[in-house]
Amino acid sequence: MPICTATNVTVFTDISASAGTIIDTGLIGIVQDRVNTICNNYFLTDMYIDSGVTFSATAGTITIGTDWSTFGFQAGDEIYIYNSYRNDGYKIIGSVTSTVLTLASGSSAIAELAGRLIRIAVVKWPISINYIASQMVKYDYDDRPSKSIGVTSRTLGPYSESFGSATGASNATPFGYPQELVDALSQFTFARTA
C-alpha cells in the first residue's frame, strides 16, 4: 500500500480533484519519493532478508534459496527492494510460497543477473504520515500552481498571505512545501551522515 491512497486524499483534504484524477496525475508516487528524501527514511521494518535472488519478468516473481515464510513475508505486504540492478523500489506481494514470492498486479519485476546480494524488507507506513502525505498531494495539485516562483508573501488590502521560501533560497523548504508540512515530517526524519 502506498504512503496514502487517492481516497485518503479526498477524505483528508478539500482537493478539487476526484480520486480517479489523483491516481492519473501520479502525485502519490511523487509525494512518496519526496517524503523518503525529506525524511531520509524508507519506512522499512526489521523484517528483511539479504539474499541472492532471481527476478523473473515474465512470471513477476522473486526466487530465493531459503524459505520466505521463515522471514515473515506474507501476501499483501508492501516491500522495498534495495541494491538490485533494475528492481529497486516499492512493490506489493501477491502471494508467497516457500522460495517464490509473486508480485501483485501493478508491481512488476525486471529480469537481471541472478545471485547478487539484495535486501528485501517489509515496509510499514506510520498511520499519521498518511494524513501529511494527503496534504502534500493536495498542495501539489491545487495550491502549488497558484504560487509565484520567488514570491514568499503578498498583500492585497487587509489580506496578507505568506508561503514557504522560494526554491533555491538559503532558507527554502524541501521541494517548496509549506513549512508546516515539512515540520510535520520531522518526527519521521533520520539524521544524515556525511
N, C-alpha and C. Protein backbone atom coordinates (compact mmCIF):
# COMPACT_ATOMS: atom_id res chain seq x y z
N MET A 1 0.85 -1.18 0.00
CA MET A 1 0.00 0.00 0.00
C MET A 1 0.89 1.23 0.00
N PRO A 2 0.60 2.20 -0.85
CA PRO A 2 1.45 3.39 -0.88
C PRO A 2 1.28 4.24 0.39
N ILE A 3 2.03 5.30 0.46
CA ILE A 3 2.03 6.19 1.62
C ILE A 3 0.63 6.71 1.93
N CYS A 4 -0.19 6.90 0.91
CA CYS A 4 -1.60 7.26 1.07
C CYS A 4 -2.33 6.82 -0.19
N THR A 5 -3.64 6.80 -0.14
CA THR A 5 -4.43 6.43 -1.32
C THR A 5 -5.16 7.67 -1.83
N ALA A 6 -5.68 7.57 -3.04
CA ALA A 6 -6.46 8.68 -3.60
C ALA A 6 -7.69 8.94 -2.75
N THR A 7 -8.28 7.89 -2.21
CA THR A 7 -9.44 8.07 -1.33
C THR A 7 -9.04 8.82 -0.07
N ASN A 8 -7.87 8.50 0.51
CA ASN A 8 -7.39 9.24 1.67
C ASN A 8 -7.29 10.73 1.35
N VAL A 9 -6.74 11.05 0.19
CA VAL A 9 -6.55 12.45 -0.18
C VAL A 9 -7.91 13.16 -0.25
N THR A 10 -8.92 12.50 -0.83
CA THR A 10 -10.23 13.15 -0.94
C THR A 10 -10.92 13.27 0.42
N VAL A 11 -10.63 12.36 1.34
CA VAL A 11 -11.25 12.41 2.67
C VAL A 11 -10.54 13.42 3.57
N PHE A 12 -9.20 13.45 3.53
CA PHE A 12 -8.42 14.29 4.44
C PHE A 12 -8.24 15.72 3.98
N THR A 13 -8.58 16.02 2.72
CA THR A 13 -8.36 17.37 2.20
C THR A 13 -9.60 17.85 1.44
N ASP A 14 -9.56 19.08 1.03
CA ASP A 14 -10.63 19.62 0.18
C ASP A 14 -10.13 19.76 -1.26
N ILE A 15 -9.34 18.79 -1.71
CA ILE A 15 -8.77 18.82 -3.06
C ILE A 15 -9.87 18.94 -4.10
N SER A 16 -9.59 19.64 -5.18
CA SER A 16 -10.59 19.86 -6.22
C SER A 16 -10.65 18.71 -7.22
N ALA A 17 -9.83 17.69 -7.06
CA ALA A 17 -9.79 16.57 -7.99
C ALA A 17 -10.53 15.35 -7.43
N SER A 18 -10.98 14.49 -8.33
CA SER A 18 -11.60 13.22 -7.93
C SER A 18 -10.50 12.22 -7.64
N ALA A 19 -10.86 11.11 -7.00
CA ALA A 19 -9.89 10.05 -6.71
C ALA A 19 -9.25 9.54 -8.00
N GLY A 20 -10.05 9.39 -9.05
CA GLY A 20 -9.51 8.92 -10.33
C GLY A 20 -8.49 9.87 -10.92
N THR A 21 -8.76 11.16 -10.84
CA THR A 21 -7.82 12.17 -11.34
C THR A 21 -6.53 12.15 -10.53
N ILE A 22 -6.66 11.99 -9.21
CA ILE A 22 -5.47 11.94 -8.35
C ILE A 22 -4.58 10.78 -8.77
N ILE A 23 -5.18 9.63 -9.03
CA ILE A 23 -4.42 8.45 -9.48
C ILE A 23 -3.74 8.75 -10.80
N ASP A 24 -4.48 9.34 -11.74
CA ASP A 24 -3.94 9.63 -13.07
C ASP A 24 -2.76 10.60 -13.04
N THR A 25 -2.73 11.52 -12.08
CA THR A 25 -1.64 12.50 -12.02
C THR A 25 -0.32 11.89 -11.57
N GLY A 26 -0.38 10.76 -10.85
CA GLY A 26 0.85 10.15 -10.34
C GLY A 26 1.43 10.88 -9.14
N LEU A 27 0.69 11.82 -8.58
CA LEU A 27 1.22 12.63 -7.48
C LEU A 27 1.49 11.82 -6.21
N ILE A 28 0.76 10.76 -5.96
CA ILE A 28 1.00 9.97 -4.75
C ILE A 28 2.41 9.38 -4.78
N GLY A 29 2.82 8.83 -5.91
CA GLY A 29 4.18 8.30 -6.03
C GLY A 29 5.25 9.38 -5.90
N ILE A 30 4.97 10.54 -6.47
CA ILE A 30 5.92 11.66 -6.37
C ILE A 30 6.06 12.10 -4.93
N VAL A 31 4.93 12.26 -4.24
CA VAL A 31 4.97 12.66 -2.83
C VAL A 31 5.69 11.60 -2.00
N GLN A 32 5.43 10.33 -2.27
CA GLN A 32 6.10 9.25 -1.54
C GLN A 32 7.62 9.36 -1.70
N ASP A 33 8.10 9.56 -2.92
CA ASP A 33 9.54 9.72 -3.15
C ASP A 33 10.09 10.95 -2.42
N ARG A 34 9.32 12.03 -2.43
CA ARG A 34 9.78 13.25 -1.76
C ARG A 34 9.82 13.07 -0.24
N VAL A 35 8.84 12.37 0.32
CA VAL A 35 8.86 12.10 1.76
C VAL A 35 10.08 11.26 2.11
N ASN A 36 10.38 10.24 1.29
CA ASN A 36 11.59 9.43 1.52
C ASN A 36 12.83 10.30 1.55
N THR A 37 12.93 11.24 0.62
CA THR A 37 14.09 12.12 0.53
C THR A 37 14.14 13.09 1.71
N ILE A 38 13.02 13.73 2.01
CA ILE A 38 12.98 14.70 3.11
C ILE A 38 13.33 14.02 4.43
N CYS A 39 12.77 12.84 4.66
CA CYS A 39 12.95 12.15 5.94
C CYS A 39 14.19 11.28 5.99
N ASN A 40 14.84 11.05 4.83
CA ASN A 40 15.96 10.11 4.79
C ASN A 40 15.51 8.77 5.39
N ASN A 41 14.31 8.33 5.00
CA ASN A 41 13.67 7.18 5.63
C ASN A 41 12.82 6.48 4.58
N TYR A 42 12.98 5.17 4.46
CA TYR A 42 12.17 4.38 3.53
C TYR A 42 11.11 3.58 4.29
N PHE A 43 11.02 3.79 5.60
CA PHE A 43 9.99 3.18 6.45
C PHE A 43 10.04 1.66 6.41
N LEU A 44 11.25 1.13 6.48
CA LEU A 44 11.46 -0.31 6.48
C LEU A 44 11.34 -0.86 7.89
N THR A 45 10.85 -2.08 7.99
CA THR A 45 10.76 -2.74 9.28
C THR A 45 12.03 -3.57 9.49
N ASP A 46 12.11 -4.22 10.65
CA ASP A 46 13.25 -5.12 10.88
C ASP A 46 12.96 -6.51 10.32
N MET A 47 11.91 -6.64 9.53
CA MET A 47 11.59 -7.88 8.85
C MET A 47 12.17 -7.78 7.43
N TYR A 48 13.34 -8.37 7.22
CA TYR A 48 14.00 -8.26 5.93
C TYR A 48 14.85 -9.50 5.67
N ILE A 49 15.29 -9.59 4.44
CA ILE A 49 16.20 -10.67 4.05
C ILE A 49 17.28 -10.08 3.16
N ASP A 50 18.51 -10.50 3.36
CA ASP A 50 19.62 -10.18 2.47
C ASP A 50 19.98 -11.50 1.81
N SER A 51 19.76 -11.60 0.51
CA SER A 51 19.95 -12.89 -0.15
C SER A 51 20.25 -12.69 -1.62
N GLY A 52 20.82 -13.71 -2.22
CA GLY A 52 20.94 -13.76 -3.66
C GLY A 52 19.56 -14.13 -4.20
N VAL A 53 19.06 -13.38 -5.17
CA VAL A 53 17.71 -13.62 -5.68
C VAL A 53 17.71 -13.71 -7.20
N THR A 54 16.64 -14.27 -7.72
CA THR A 54 16.42 -14.32 -9.16
C THR A 54 15.09 -13.63 -9.45
N PHE A 55 15.10 -12.64 -10.33
CA PHE A 55 13.89 -11.94 -10.73
C PHE A 55 13.41 -12.51 -12.06
N SER A 56 12.13 -12.82 -12.16
CA SER A 56 11.55 -13.27 -13.42
C SER A 56 10.52 -12.23 -13.86
N ALA A 57 10.81 -11.60 -15.00
CA ALA A 57 9.90 -10.58 -15.51
C ALA A 57 8.61 -11.21 -16.01
N THR A 58 8.70 -12.35 -16.69
CA THR A 58 7.51 -12.98 -17.26
C THR A 58 6.54 -13.44 -16.18
N ALA A 59 7.07 -14.06 -15.15
CA ALA A 59 6.21 -14.58 -14.07
C ALA A 59 5.93 -13.53 -13.00
N GLY A 60 6.72 -12.46 -12.97
CA GLY A 60 6.56 -11.45 -11.92
C GLY A 60 6.92 -12.00 -10.56
N THR A 61 8.02 -12.76 -10.52
CA THR A 61 8.41 -13.42 -9.27
C THR A 61 9.81 -13.06 -8.83
N ILE A 62 10.04 -13.30 -7.54
CA ILE A 62 11.37 -13.18 -6.94
C ILE A 62 11.63 -14.51 -6.24
N THR A 63 12.70 -15.18 -6.63
CA THR A 63 13.01 -16.50 -6.08
C THR A 63 14.29 -16.41 -5.25
N ILE A 64 14.28 -17.05 -4.07
CA ILE A 64 15.46 -17.12 -3.22
C ILE A 64 15.73 -18.58 -2.87
N GLY A 65 16.88 -18.82 -2.28
CA GLY A 65 17.27 -20.18 -1.93
C GLY A 65 16.77 -20.64 -0.57
N THR A 66 16.14 -19.77 0.20
CA THR A 66 15.62 -20.14 1.51
C THR A 66 14.11 -19.91 1.53
N ASP A 67 13.48 -20.17 2.65
CA ASP A 67 12.03 -20.08 2.76
C ASP A 67 11.58 -18.67 3.15
N TRP A 68 10.77 -18.04 2.30
CA TRP A 68 10.26 -16.69 2.57
C TRP A 68 9.52 -16.62 3.89
N SER A 69 8.73 -17.65 4.19
CA SER A 69 7.90 -17.60 5.41
C SER A 69 8.74 -17.59 6.68
N THR A 70 9.95 -18.11 6.61
CA THR A 70 10.86 -18.06 7.76
C THR A 70 11.10 -16.61 8.18
N PHE A 71 11.06 -15.73 7.22
CA PHE A 71 11.34 -14.32 7.47
C PHE A 71 10.06 -13.51 7.68
N GLY A 72 8.89 -14.15 7.61
CA GLY A 72 7.64 -13.49 7.92
C GLY A 72 6.96 -12.77 6.77
N PHE A 73 7.42 -12.95 5.54
CA PHE A 73 6.80 -12.28 4.40
C PHE A 73 5.44 -12.91 4.10
N GLN A 74 4.43 -12.05 3.83
CA GLN A 74 3.08 -12.53 3.58
C GLN A 74 2.45 -11.79 2.41
N ALA A 75 1.45 -12.43 1.81
CA ALA A 75 0.69 -11.78 0.73
C ALA A 75 0.08 -10.48 1.25
N GLY A 76 0.12 -9.44 0.43
CA GLY A 76 -0.42 -8.14 0.81
C GLY A 76 0.61 -7.20 1.42
N ASP A 77 1.76 -7.72 1.85
CA ASP A 77 2.81 -6.87 2.41
C ASP A 77 3.38 -5.96 1.32
N GLU A 78 3.71 -4.74 1.70
CA GLU A 78 4.48 -3.88 0.82
C GLU A 78 5.94 -4.10 1.16
N ILE A 79 6.77 -4.24 0.13
CA ILE A 79 8.20 -4.47 0.35
C ILE A 79 8.99 -3.39 -0.37
N TYR A 80 10.24 -3.23 0.08
CA TYR A 80 11.16 -2.32 -0.59
C TYR A 80 12.37 -3.15 -0.98
N ILE A 81 12.76 -3.06 -2.25
CA ILE A 81 13.91 -3.80 -2.76
C ILE A 81 15.06 -2.82 -2.91
N TYR A 82 16.24 -3.24 -2.41
CA TYR A 82 17.41 -2.36 -2.42
C TYR A 82 18.64 -3.12 -2.91
N ASN A 83 19.47 -2.47 -3.69
CA ASN A 83 20.75 -2.97 -4.17
C ASN A 83 20.64 -3.89 -5.37
N SER A 84 19.49 -3.85 -6.07
CA SER A 84 19.37 -4.61 -7.31
C SER A 84 19.85 -3.73 -8.46
N TYR A 85 19.96 -4.31 -9.63
CA TYR A 85 20.33 -3.52 -10.80
C TYR A 85 19.14 -2.75 -11.35
N ARG A 86 17.97 -3.41 -11.39
CA ARG A 86 16.82 -2.81 -12.07
C ARG A 86 15.51 -2.85 -11.28
N ASN A 87 15.50 -3.43 -10.10
CA ASN A 87 14.24 -3.65 -9.40
C ASN A 87 14.09 -2.88 -8.09
N ASP A 88 14.98 -1.94 -7.81
CA ASP A 88 14.86 -1.18 -6.57
C ASP A 88 13.53 -0.44 -6.52
N GLY A 89 12.95 -0.38 -5.33
CA GLY A 89 11.72 0.37 -5.15
C GLY A 89 10.67 -0.42 -4.39
N TYR A 90 9.50 0.17 -4.30
CA TYR A 90 8.38 -0.42 -3.56
C TYR A 90 7.59 -1.37 -4.45
N LYS A 91 7.20 -2.50 -3.90
CA LYS A 91 6.38 -3.50 -4.59
C LYS A 91 5.39 -4.07 -3.59
N ILE A 92 4.32 -4.69 -4.10
CA ILE A 92 3.33 -5.36 -3.25
C ILE A 92 3.40 -6.86 -3.52
N ILE A 93 3.36 -7.65 -2.45
CA ILE A 93 3.40 -9.10 -2.58
C ILE A 93 1.99 -9.61 -2.91
N GLY A 94 1.90 -10.42 -3.98
CA GLY A 94 0.64 -11.05 -4.34
C GLY A 94 0.46 -12.37 -3.61
N SER A 95 1.50 -13.19 -3.64
CA SER A 95 1.46 -14.48 -2.94
C SER A 95 2.88 -14.93 -2.63
N VAL A 96 2.98 -15.84 -1.66
CA VAL A 96 4.28 -16.35 -1.24
C VAL A 96 4.20 -17.87 -1.11
N THR A 97 5.14 -18.56 -1.74
CA THR A 97 5.32 -19.99 -1.48
C THR A 97 6.67 -20.12 -0.81
N SER A 98 7.15 -21.32 -0.64
CA SER A 98 8.39 -21.49 0.13
C SER A 98 9.54 -20.63 -0.41
N THR A 99 9.87 -20.74 -1.68
CA THR A 99 11.02 -19.99 -2.19
C THR A 99 10.66 -18.94 -3.23
N VAL A 100 9.38 -18.85 -3.58
CA VAL A 100 8.97 -17.92 -4.64
C VAL A 100 7.97 -16.90 -4.10
N LEU A 101 8.30 -15.65 -4.32
CA LEU A 101 7.42 -14.54 -3.97
C LEU A 101 6.87 -14.00 -5.29
N THR A 102 5.54 -13.99 -5.44
CA THR A 102 4.91 -13.47 -6.65
C THR A 102 4.39 -12.07 -6.34
N LEU A 103 4.73 -11.13 -7.21
CA LEU A 103 4.31 -9.75 -7.00
C LEU A 103 2.84 -9.57 -7.41
N ALA A 104 2.15 -8.67 -6.74
CA ALA A 104 0.75 -8.37 -7.06
C ALA A 104 0.68 -7.65 -8.39
N SER A 105 -0.50 -7.71 -9.03
CA SER A 105 -0.66 -6.97 -10.28
C SER A 105 -0.43 -5.49 -9.99
N GLY A 106 0.22 -4.83 -10.91
CA GLY A 106 0.59 -3.43 -10.69
C GLY A 106 2.03 -3.30 -10.21
N SER A 107 2.58 -4.36 -9.64
CA SER A 107 4.00 -4.41 -9.28
C SER A 107 4.66 -5.34 -10.30
N SER A 108 5.82 -4.98 -10.76
CA SER A 108 6.47 -5.81 -11.77
C SER A 108 7.92 -6.06 -11.41
N ALA A 109 8.45 -7.10 -12.01
CA ALA A 109 9.87 -7.43 -11.84
C ALA A 109 10.53 -7.32 -13.21
N ILE A 110 11.80 -6.97 -13.20
CA ILE A 110 12.59 -6.90 -14.42
C ILE A 110 13.71 -7.92 -14.28
N ALA A 111 13.86 -8.78 -15.28
CA ALA A 111 14.92 -9.80 -15.22
C ALA A 111 16.28 -9.11 -15.13
N GLU A 112 17.15 -9.67 -14.31
CA GLU A 112 18.51 -9.16 -14.17
C GLU A 112 19.42 -10.29 -13.74
N LEU A 113 20.70 -10.02 -13.64
CA LEU A 113 21.65 -11.04 -13.24
C LEU A 113 21.23 -11.66 -11.91
N ALA A 114 21.29 -12.97 -11.83
CA ALA A 114 20.88 -13.67 -10.62
C ALA A 114 22.04 -13.78 -9.64
N GLY A 115 21.70 -13.94 -8.37
CA GLY A 115 22.69 -14.24 -7.35
C GLY A 115 23.26 -13.05 -6.61
N ARG A 116 23.03 -11.84 -7.07
CA ARG A 116 23.55 -10.66 -6.38
C ARG A 116 22.87 -10.52 -5.03
N LEU A 117 23.62 -10.11 -4.01
CA LEU A 117 23.07 -9.93 -2.67
C LEU A 117 22.16 -8.70 -2.67
N ILE A 118 20.87 -8.94 -2.42
CA ILE A 118 19.87 -7.88 -2.47
C ILE A 118 19.09 -7.90 -1.17
N ARG A 119 18.76 -6.71 -0.66
CA ARG A 119 17.94 -6.60 0.55
C ARG A 119 16.49 -6.38 0.14
N ILE A 120 15.62 -7.16 0.75
CA ILE A 120 14.18 -7.00 0.56
C ILE A 120 13.58 -6.89 1.95
N ALA A 121 12.90 -5.78 2.22
CA ALA A 121 12.35 -5.52 3.55
C ALA A 121 10.87 -5.18 3.47
N VAL A 122 10.14 -5.56 4.50
CA VAL A 122 8.73 -5.19 4.61
C VAL A 122 8.65 -3.73 5.04
N VAL A 123 7.71 -3.00 4.45
CA VAL A 123 7.52 -1.58 4.71
C VAL A 123 6.32 -1.39 5.63
N LYS A 124 6.44 -0.43 6.55
CA LYS A 124 5.30 -0.07 7.40
C LYS A 124 5.22 1.44 7.47
N TRP A 125 4.18 1.99 6.85
CA TRP A 125 3.96 3.44 6.89
C TRP A 125 3.23 3.78 8.17
N PRO A 126 3.73 4.74 8.97
CA PRO A 126 3.00 5.16 10.16
C PRO A 126 1.64 5.73 9.78
N ILE A 127 0.65 5.50 10.60
CA ILE A 127 -0.71 5.96 10.29
C ILE A 127 -0.75 7.48 10.09
N SER A 128 -0.05 8.23 10.93
CA SER A 128 -0.13 9.69 10.84
C SER A 128 0.52 10.26 9.59
N ILE A 129 1.41 9.52 8.95
CA ILE A 129 2.05 10.05 7.74
C ILE A 129 1.07 10.06 6.57
N ASN A 130 0.04 9.23 6.65
CA ASN A 130 -0.99 9.18 5.63
C ASN A 130 -1.66 10.55 5.48
N TYR A 131 -1.97 11.18 6.59
CA TYR A 131 -2.60 12.50 6.58
C TYR A 131 -1.66 13.55 5.99
N ILE A 132 -0.40 13.53 6.42
CA ILE A 132 0.58 14.52 5.94
C ILE A 132 0.78 14.37 4.43
N ALA A 133 0.93 13.13 3.96
CA ALA A 133 1.12 12.89 2.52
C ALA A 133 -0.10 13.35 1.73
N SER A 134 -1.29 13.14 2.28
CA SER A 134 -2.52 13.59 1.61
C SER A 134 -2.51 15.11 1.45
N GLN A 135 -2.06 15.83 2.49
CA GLN A 135 -1.97 17.29 2.42
C GLN A 135 -0.94 17.72 1.37
N MET A 136 0.15 16.95 1.25
CA MET A 136 1.18 17.28 0.25
C MET A 136 0.64 17.08 -1.17
N VAL A 137 -0.13 16.02 -1.38
CA VAL A 137 -0.74 15.78 -2.70
C VAL A 137 -1.68 16.94 -3.03
N LYS A 138 -2.50 17.34 -2.07
CA LYS A 138 -3.43 18.46 -2.28
C LYS A 138 -2.66 19.74 -2.61
N TYR A 139 -1.57 19.98 -1.88
CA TYR A 139 -0.75 21.17 -2.14
C TYR A 139 -0.22 21.14 -3.58
N ASP A 140 0.31 19.98 -3.99
CA ASP A 140 0.86 19.87 -5.35
C ASP A 140 -0.21 20.06 -6.42
N TYR A 141 -1.40 19.56 -6.18
CA TYR A 141 -2.45 19.63 -7.20
C TYR A 141 -3.14 20.99 -7.24
N ASP A 142 -3.55 21.48 -6.08
CA ASP A 142 -4.36 22.71 -6.04
C ASP A 142 -3.57 23.99 -5.77
N ASP A 143 -2.63 23.94 -4.84
CA ASP A 143 -2.01 25.17 -4.34
C ASP A 143 -0.74 25.56 -5.07
N ARG A 144 0.12 24.61 -5.36
CA ARG A 144 1.40 24.94 -5.98
C ARG A 144 1.23 25.70 -7.30
N PRO A 145 0.30 25.33 -8.17
CA PRO A 145 0.18 26.08 -9.44
C PRO A 145 -0.17 27.55 -9.25
N SER A 146 -0.76 27.92 -8.11
CA SER A 146 -1.14 29.31 -7.91
C SER A 146 -0.04 30.13 -7.24
N LYS A 147 1.06 29.50 -6.85
CA LYS A 147 2.15 30.22 -6.20
C LYS A 147 3.12 30.74 -7.26
N SER A 148 3.60 31.93 -7.08
CA SER A 148 4.58 32.51 -7.99
C SER A 148 5.98 32.17 -7.50
N ILE A 149 6.84 31.74 -8.40
CA ILE A 149 8.21 31.39 -8.04
C ILE A 149 8.92 32.63 -7.53
N GLY A 150 9.59 32.49 -6.40
CA GLY A 150 10.36 33.59 -5.83
C GLY A 150 9.57 34.51 -4.93
N VAL A 151 8.23 34.36 -4.90
CA VAL A 151 7.40 35.22 -4.05
C VAL A 151 7.14 34.48 -2.74
N THR A 152 7.47 35.11 -1.63
CA THR A 152 7.25 34.46 -0.34
C THR A 152 6.04 35.01 0.40
N SER A 153 5.52 36.15 -0.04
CA SER A 153 4.29 36.68 0.57
C SER A 153 3.68 37.70 -0.37
N ARG A 154 2.39 37.96 -0.15
CA ARG A 154 1.72 39.00 -0.93
C ARG A 154 0.62 39.62 -0.07
N THR A 155 0.32 40.88 -0.37
CA THR A 155 -0.68 41.62 0.39
C THR A 155 -1.63 42.30 -0.59
N LEU A 156 -2.91 42.20 -0.29
CA LEU A 156 -3.92 42.88 -1.08
C LEU A 156 -4.89 43.50 -0.09
N GLY A 157 -4.76 44.79 0.12
CA GLY A 157 -5.58 45.47 1.12
C GLY A 157 -5.31 44.90 2.50
N PRO A 158 -6.36 44.54 3.24
CA PRO A 158 -6.17 43.99 4.58
C PRO A 158 -5.78 42.51 4.58
N TYR A 159 -5.76 41.90 3.40
CA TYR A 159 -5.47 40.47 3.29
C TYR A 159 -4.00 40.25 3.00
N SER A 160 -3.38 39.35 3.74
CA SER A 160 -1.96 39.05 3.54
C SER A 160 -1.76 37.56 3.61
N GLU A 161 -0.81 37.04 2.81
CA GLU A 161 -0.57 35.61 2.74
C GLU A 161 0.94 35.38 2.63
N SER A 162 1.46 34.40 3.38
CA SER A 162 2.88 34.06 3.31
C SER A 162 3.03 32.61 2.86
N PHE A 163 4.08 32.33 2.10
CA PHE A 163 4.35 31.00 1.59
C PHE A 163 5.69 30.53 2.09
N GLY A 164 6.01 29.27 1.78
CA GLY A 164 7.35 28.76 2.05
C GLY A 164 8.34 29.54 1.21
N SER A 165 9.58 29.47 1.57
CA SER A 165 10.62 30.23 0.88
C SER A 165 10.73 29.82 -0.58
N ALA A 166 11.21 30.72 -1.38
CA ALA A 166 11.41 30.45 -2.80
C ALA A 166 12.45 29.35 -2.98
N THR A 167 12.22 28.48 -3.94
CA THR A 167 13.17 27.42 -4.21
C THR A 167 14.52 28.03 -4.56
N GLY A 168 15.56 27.48 -3.96
CA GLY A 168 16.90 28.00 -4.19
C GLY A 168 17.34 29.00 -3.14
N ALA A 169 16.42 29.53 -2.38
CA ALA A 169 16.80 30.46 -1.31
C ALA A 169 17.49 29.69 -0.20
N SER A 170 18.31 30.36 0.57
CA SER A 170 19.08 29.67 1.61
C SER A 170 18.18 29.05 2.67
N ASN A 171 16.98 29.58 2.84
CA ASN A 171 16.07 29.03 3.85
C ASN A 171 14.87 28.33 3.19
N ALA A 172 15.04 27.86 1.95
CA ALA A 172 13.96 27.21 1.22
C ALA A 172 13.57 25.89 1.89
N THR A 173 12.29 25.56 1.83
CA THR A 173 11.83 24.28 2.35
C THR A 173 12.02 23.22 1.26
N PRO A 174 12.18 21.97 1.66
CA PRO A 174 12.37 20.91 0.65
C PRO A 174 11.20 20.85 -0.33
N PHE A 175 11.52 20.85 -1.61
CA PHE A 175 10.55 20.75 -2.70
C PHE A 175 9.51 21.87 -2.67
N GLY A 176 9.77 22.95 -1.92
CA GLY A 176 8.88 24.09 -1.88
C GLY A 176 7.59 23.90 -1.11
N TYR A 177 7.51 22.85 -0.27
CA TYR A 177 6.29 22.63 0.52
C TYR A 177 6.20 23.66 1.64
N PRO A 178 4.99 23.96 2.10
CA PRO A 178 4.85 24.87 3.24
C PRO A 178 5.59 24.33 4.46
N GLN A 179 6.13 25.22 5.24
CA GLN A 179 6.94 24.85 6.39
C GLN A 179 6.19 23.91 7.35
N GLU A 180 4.89 24.13 7.54
CA GLU A 180 4.15 23.28 8.49
C GLU A 180 4.09 21.81 8.02
N LEU A 181 4.06 21.57 6.72
CA LEU A 181 4.08 20.19 6.22
C LEU A 181 5.45 19.56 6.43
N VAL A 182 6.50 20.32 6.14
CA VAL A 182 7.86 19.81 6.34
C VAL A 182 8.10 19.54 7.83
N ASP A 183 7.64 20.46 8.69
CA ASP A 183 7.80 20.28 10.14
C ASP A 183 7.06 19.04 10.63
N ALA A 184 5.91 18.75 10.05
CA ALA A 184 5.13 17.57 10.46
C ALA A 184 5.87 16.27 10.18
N LEU A 185 6.80 16.30 9.21
CA LEU A 185 7.58 15.11 8.87
C LEU A 185 8.78 14.91 9.79
N SER A 186 9.10 15.90 10.60
CA SER A 186 10.33 15.83 11.40
C SER A 186 10.37 14.63 12.33
N GLN A 187 9.22 14.18 12.83
CA GLN A 187 9.20 13.02 13.72
C GLN A 187 9.62 11.74 13.02
N PHE A 188 9.62 11.72 11.67
CA PHE A 188 9.98 10.51 10.92
C PHE A 188 11.36 10.62 10.28
N THR A 189 12.05 11.73 10.53
CA THR A 189 13.31 12.01 9.85
C THR A 189 14.50 11.39 10.55
N PHE A 190 15.34 10.73 9.76
CA PHE A 190 16.61 10.18 10.27
C PHE A 190 17.71 11.17 9.90
N ALA A 191 18.64 11.36 10.82
CA ALA A 191 19.77 12.26 10.58
C ALA A 191 20.61 11.72 9.43
N ARG A 192 21.12 12.62 8.63
CA ARG A 192 22.00 12.23 7.54
C ARG A 192 23.44 12.27 8.03
N THR A 193 24.22 11.31 7.59
CA THR A 193 25.65 11.34 7.90
C THR A 193 26.39 11.73 6.64
N ALA A 194 27.58 12.24 6.83
CA ALA A 194 28.36 12.73 5.70
C ALA A 194 28.47 11.69 4.66
